[in-house]
Amino acid sequence: MTKIYVQPTNKDQDVKLSDGHEGYLRVEREPHGYRYDFEFSAHYHHGFWYEGPSLKNGFEIMVHTIDGPEKYQILVG
């Protein structure tokens, strides 16, 4: 499982991954919450998006890709 470290703010930001790679989080306001769009600079990880009222610390998500499933844990802090 790859951990994604994010700041506790609903703003666009650079993110770090537990394996040393980097990425970018785009945050868009939606009618009932936010859309969090994760993009990664290296091709080791596939980007994904999540919609919800906020990002919860410790939230885990399974992303199904053509290369197989990849599990992420989001750490807010």
Protein backbone atom coordinates (compact mmCIF):
# COMPACT_ATOMS: atom_id res chain seq x y z
CA MET A 1 0.00 0.00 0.00
CA THR A 2 1.28 3.45 -0.95
CA LYS A 3 0.70 6.31 1.48
CA ILE A 4 -0.10 9.80 0.19
CA TYR A 5 0.78 12.71 2.49
CA VAL A 6 -1.50 15.75 2.09
CA GLN A 7 -1.92 19.03 3.96
CA PRO A 8 -5.18 19.61 5.90
CA THR A 9 -6.55 22.17 3.46
CA ASN A 10 -9.00 21.99 0.57
CA LYS A 11 -6.62 23.73 -1.85
CA ASP A 12 -4.47 22.52 -4.74
CA GLN A 13 -1.14 21.25 -3.45
CA ASP A 14 1.95 19.14 -4.09
CA VAL A 15 1.83 15.74 -2.37
CA LYS A 16 4.50 13.23 -1.35
CA LEU A 17 4.20 9.45 -1.51
CA SER A 18 5.68 6.94 0.91
CA ASP A 19 7.87 5.44 -1.83
CA GLY A 20 9.57 8.80 -2.50
CA HIS A 21 7.58 9.80 -5.59
CA GLU A 22 5.68 13.07 -5.87
CA GLY A 23 2.32 14.14 -7.18
CA TYR A 24 -0.23 16.90 -7.31
CA LEU A 25 -3.68 17.21 -5.77
CA ARG A 26 -6.27 19.38 -7.50
CA VAL A 27 -9.29 20.29 -5.41
CA GLU A 28 -12.56 21.42 -6.96
CA ARG A 29 -15.66 22.55 -5.07
CA GLU A 30 -18.73 20.45 -5.92
CA PRO A 31 -22.38 21.02 -4.89
CA HIS A 32 -22.18 18.48 -2.03
CA GLY A 33 -18.48 18.54 -1.16
CA TYR A 34 -15.21 18.38 -3.05
CA ARG A 35 -13.59 16.50 -5.89
CA TYR A 36 -10.02 15.47 -5.11
CA ASP A 37 -8.02 14.68 -8.26
CA PHE A 38 -4.67 12.99 -7.61
CA GLU A 39 -2.04 13.07 -10.38
CA PHE A 40 1.43 11.56 -10.12
CA SER A 41 4.50 12.76 -11.99
CA ALA A 42 6.14 9.35 -12.36
CA HIS A 43 4.48 6.54 -14.27
CA TYR A 44 4.79 4.21 -11.27
CA HIS A 45 1.33 5.21 -10.03
CA HIS A 46 -1.97 5.80 -11.76
CA GLY A 47 -3.93 8.97 -11.06
CA PHE A 48 -7.42 8.82 -9.57
CA TRP A 49 -10.14 11.04 -8.16
CA TYR A 50 -12.37 10.90 -5.12
CA GLU A 51 -15.52 12.90 -4.30
CA GLY A 52 -16.62 13.59 -0.74
CA PRO A 53 -17.16 16.20 1.95
CA SER A 54 -13.47 16.07 2.96
CA LEU A 55 -10.41 13.82 2.98
CA LYS A 56 -10.34 11.73 6.15
CA ASN A 57 -7.01 10.90 7.75
CA GLY A 58 -6.25 7.22 7.19
CA PHE A 59 -8.77 6.86 4.34
CA GLU A 60 -7.92 3.91 2.09
CA ILE A 61 -8.90 3.57 -1.56
CA MET A 62 -8.38 0.77 -4.08
CA VAL A 63 -7.70 1.98 -7.63
CA HIS A 64 -8.32 -0.56 -10.39
CA THR A 65 -6.01 -0.03 -13.37
CA ILE A 66 -4.94 -1.91 -16.48
CA ASP A 67 -1.84 -2.92 -14.51
CA GLY A 68 -3.95 -4.38 -11.68
CA PRO A 69 -5.26 -2.96 -8.41
CA GLU A 70 -3.30 -0.41 -6.41
CA LYS A 71 -4.16 0.50 -2.83
CA TYR A 72 -3.54 3.96 -1.38
CA GLN A 73 -3.86 5.36 2.12
CA ILE A 74 -4.32 9.12 2.50
CA LEU A 75 -2.63 10.68 5.51
CA VAL A 76 -3.74 14.21 6.34
CA GLY A 77 -1.52 16.26 8.58
